[in-house]
């Protein structure tokens, strides 16, 4: 079974993290881990930037 494009997975993960962050059940948890959802979103943004950079430099497609 072929893997979906990495761009698609990164975008899906960012969407899911955003949905978790705004979910009412998550907000009432009063959850304060060392790494936050925002940290994960930032990591995914960096990953997407790296993918875009590699695509421009190596002409890699999805």
N, C-alpha and C. Protein backbone atom coordinates (compact mmCIF):
# COMPACT_ATOMS: atom_id res chain seq x y z
N UNK A 1 0.84 -1.17 0.00
CA UNK A 1 0.00 0.00 0.00
C UNK A 1 0.89 1.24 0.00
N UNK A 2 0.70 2.14 -0.95
CA UNK A 2 1.54 3.33 -1.01
C UNK A 2 1.24 4.29 0.14
N UNK A 3 2.27 4.99 0.56
CA UNK A 3 2.12 5.99 1.62
C UNK A 3 1.56 7.28 1.05
N UNK A 4 0.72 7.99 1.81
CA UNK A 4 0.28 9.30 1.34
C UNK A 4 1.47 10.26 1.33
N UNK A 5 1.38 11.32 0.54
CA UNK A 5 2.48 12.30 0.52
C UNK A 5 2.74 12.86 1.92
N UNK A 6 4.00 13.09 2.23
CA UNK A 6 4.36 13.59 3.55
C UNK A 6 3.72 14.95 3.82
N UNK A 7 3.63 15.80 2.78
CA UNK A 7 2.95 17.09 2.95
C UNK A 7 1.53 16.89 3.48
N UNK A 8 0.83 15.91 2.93
CA UNK A 8 -0.54 15.63 3.33
C UNK A 8 -0.59 15.20 4.79
N UNK A 9 0.33 14.36 5.20
CA UNK A 9 0.36 13.91 6.59
C UNK A 9 0.67 15.05 7.55
N UNK A 10 1.61 15.91 7.17
CA UNK A 10 1.97 17.05 8.03
C UNK A 10 0.77 17.98 8.18
N UNK A 11 0.11 18.28 7.07
CA UNK A 11 -1.08 19.14 7.13
C UNK A 11 -2.18 18.51 7.99
N UNK A 12 -2.37 17.22 7.86
CA UNK A 12 -3.38 16.53 8.66
C UNK A 12 -3.03 16.58 10.14
N UNK A 13 -1.77 16.37 10.46
CA UNK A 13 -1.33 16.42 11.85
C UNK A 13 -1.52 17.81 12.44
N UNK A 14 -1.20 18.84 11.66
CA UNK A 14 -1.39 20.21 12.13
C UNK A 14 -2.87 20.48 12.39
N UNK A 15 -3.74 20.00 11.49
CA UNK A 15 -5.17 20.18 11.66
C UNK A 15 -5.65 19.49 12.94
N UNK A 16 -5.21 18.25 13.14
CA UNK A 16 -5.63 17.49 14.32
C UNK A 16 -5.16 18.17 15.60
N UNK A 17 -3.91 18.63 15.62
CA UNK A 17 -3.40 19.30 16.82
C UNK A 17 -4.20 20.56 17.12
N UNK A 18 -4.57 21.30 16.09
CA UNK A 18 -5.39 22.49 16.30
C UNK A 18 -6.76 22.12 16.87
N UNK A 19 -7.35 21.07 16.34
CA UNK A 19 -8.65 20.63 16.84
C UNK A 19 -8.56 20.20 18.31
N UNK A 20 -7.48 19.53 18.67
CA UNK A 20 -7.28 19.14 20.07
C UNK A 20 -7.15 20.38 20.95
N UNK A 21 -6.37 21.34 20.51
CA UNK A 21 -6.11 22.55 21.31
C UNK A 21 -7.38 23.33 21.60
N UNK A 22 -8.33 23.33 20.68
CA UNK A 22 -9.55 24.12 20.88
C UNK A 22 -10.72 23.28 21.40
N UNK A 23 -10.50 21.99 21.57
CA UNK A 23 -11.58 21.11 22.03
C UNK A 23 -11.93 21.44 23.49
N UNK A 24 -13.22 21.56 23.79
CA UNK A 24 -13.63 21.89 25.16
C UNK A 24 -13.15 20.88 26.20
N UNK A 25 -13.14 19.60 25.85
CA UNK A 25 -12.67 18.59 26.80
C UNK A 25 -11.19 18.76 27.11
N UNK A 26 -10.42 19.17 26.13
CA UNK A 26 -8.99 19.40 26.37
C UNK A 26 -8.80 20.64 27.25
N UNK A 27 -9.56 21.68 26.98
CA UNK A 27 -9.41 22.93 27.74
C UNK A 27 -9.70 22.74 29.22
N UNK A 28 -10.62 21.88 29.58
CA UNK A 28 -10.97 21.70 30.99
C UNK A 28 -10.00 20.77 31.73
N UNK A 29 -9.09 20.14 31.02
CA UNK A 29 -8.15 19.23 31.67
C UNK A 29 -7.15 19.94 32.58
N UNK A 30 -6.90 21.21 32.30
CA UNK A 30 -5.87 21.94 33.05
C UNK A 30 -4.54 21.20 32.96
N UNK A 31 -4.23 20.78 31.74
CA UNK A 31 -3.07 19.96 31.43
C UNK A 31 -1.90 20.86 31.05
N UNK A 32 -0.77 20.71 31.73
CA UNK A 32 0.39 21.57 31.50
C UNK A 32 1.68 20.74 31.38
N UNK A 33 1.84 20.04 30.24
CA UNK A 33 3.06 19.23 30.05
C UNK A 33 4.26 20.12 29.75
N UNK A 34 5.45 19.53 29.80
CA UNK A 34 6.66 20.26 29.46
C UNK A 34 6.64 20.73 28.00
N UNK A 35 6.16 19.88 27.13
CA UNK A 35 6.01 20.24 25.72
C UNK A 35 4.52 20.40 25.44
N UNK A 36 4.18 21.45 24.73
CA UNK A 36 2.77 21.77 24.51
C UNK A 36 2.34 21.43 23.09
N UNK A 37 1.06 21.54 22.85
CA UNK A 37 0.54 21.35 21.49
C UNK A 37 1.17 22.39 20.57
N UNK A 38 1.36 23.59 21.07
CA UNK A 38 2.00 24.64 20.26
C UNK A 38 3.41 24.23 19.86
N UNK A 39 4.15 23.56 20.75
CA UNK A 39 5.48 23.07 20.42
C UNK A 39 5.41 22.06 19.27
N UNK A 40 4.43 21.18 19.32
CA UNK A 40 4.26 20.19 18.26
C UNK A 40 3.89 20.86 16.95
N UNK A 41 3.02 21.87 17.01
CA UNK A 41 2.65 22.60 15.80
C UNK A 41 3.87 23.30 15.20
N UNK A 42 4.71 23.86 16.05
CA UNK A 42 5.92 24.52 15.56
C UNK A 42 6.85 23.51 14.91
N UNK A 43 7.01 22.33 15.52
CA UNK A 43 7.85 21.29 14.93
C UNK A 43 7.33 20.88 13.56
N UNK A 44 6.02 20.77 13.41
CA UNK A 44 5.45 20.42 12.11
C UNK A 44 5.65 21.53 11.09
N UNK A 45 5.60 22.77 11.53
CA UNK A 45 5.86 23.89 10.62
C UNK A 45 7.30 23.85 10.13
N UNK A 46 8.22 23.53 11.02
CA UNK A 46 9.63 23.40 10.62
C UNK A 46 9.81 22.25 9.64
N UNK A 47 9.13 21.13 9.90
CA UNK A 47 9.21 19.98 9.00
C UNK A 47 8.68 20.35 7.62
N UNK A 48 7.55 21.04 7.58
CA UNK A 48 6.98 21.43 6.29
C UNK A 48 7.92 22.38 5.54
N UNK A 49 8.54 23.31 6.25
CA UNK A 49 9.51 24.22 5.62
C UNK A 49 10.68 23.44 5.04
N UNK A 50 11.15 22.45 5.78
CA UNK A 50 12.26 21.62 5.30
C UNK A 50 11.85 20.84 4.05
N UNK A 51 10.65 20.30 4.05
CA UNK A 51 10.15 19.59 2.87
C UNK A 51 10.09 20.51 1.66
N UNK A 52 9.59 21.72 1.87
CA UNK A 52 9.50 22.68 0.78
C UNK A 52 10.88 23.07 0.27
N UNK A 53 11.82 23.24 1.19
CA UNK A 53 13.19 23.59 0.81
C UNK A 53 13.82 22.47 0.00
N UNK A 54 13.65 21.23 0.46
CA UNK A 54 14.19 20.08 -0.27
C UNK A 54 13.56 19.94 -1.64
N UNK A 55 12.27 20.20 -1.72
CA UNK A 55 11.57 20.10 -2.99
C UNK A 55 12.13 21.12 -3.98
N UNK A 56 12.36 22.34 -3.53
CA UNK A 56 12.91 23.37 -4.40
C UNK A 56 14.32 23.03 -4.84
N UNK A 57 15.13 22.50 -3.93
CA UNK A 57 16.53 22.22 -4.22
C UNK A 57 16.74 20.93 -5.01
N UNK A 58 15.88 19.96 -4.79
CA UNK A 58 16.08 18.64 -5.41
C UNK A 58 15.01 18.27 -6.41
N UNK A 59 14.05 19.16 -6.62
CA UNK A 59 12.92 18.88 -7.51
C UNK A 59 12.21 17.59 -7.15
N UNK A 60 12.04 17.38 -5.83
CA UNK A 60 11.31 16.22 -5.33
C UNK A 60 9.83 16.57 -5.33
N UNK A 61 9.02 15.67 -5.85
CA UNK A 61 7.58 15.90 -5.84
C UNK A 61 6.95 15.07 -4.74
N UNK A 62 5.67 15.36 -4.47
CA UNK A 62 4.93 14.60 -3.45
C UNK A 62 5.02 13.14 -3.81
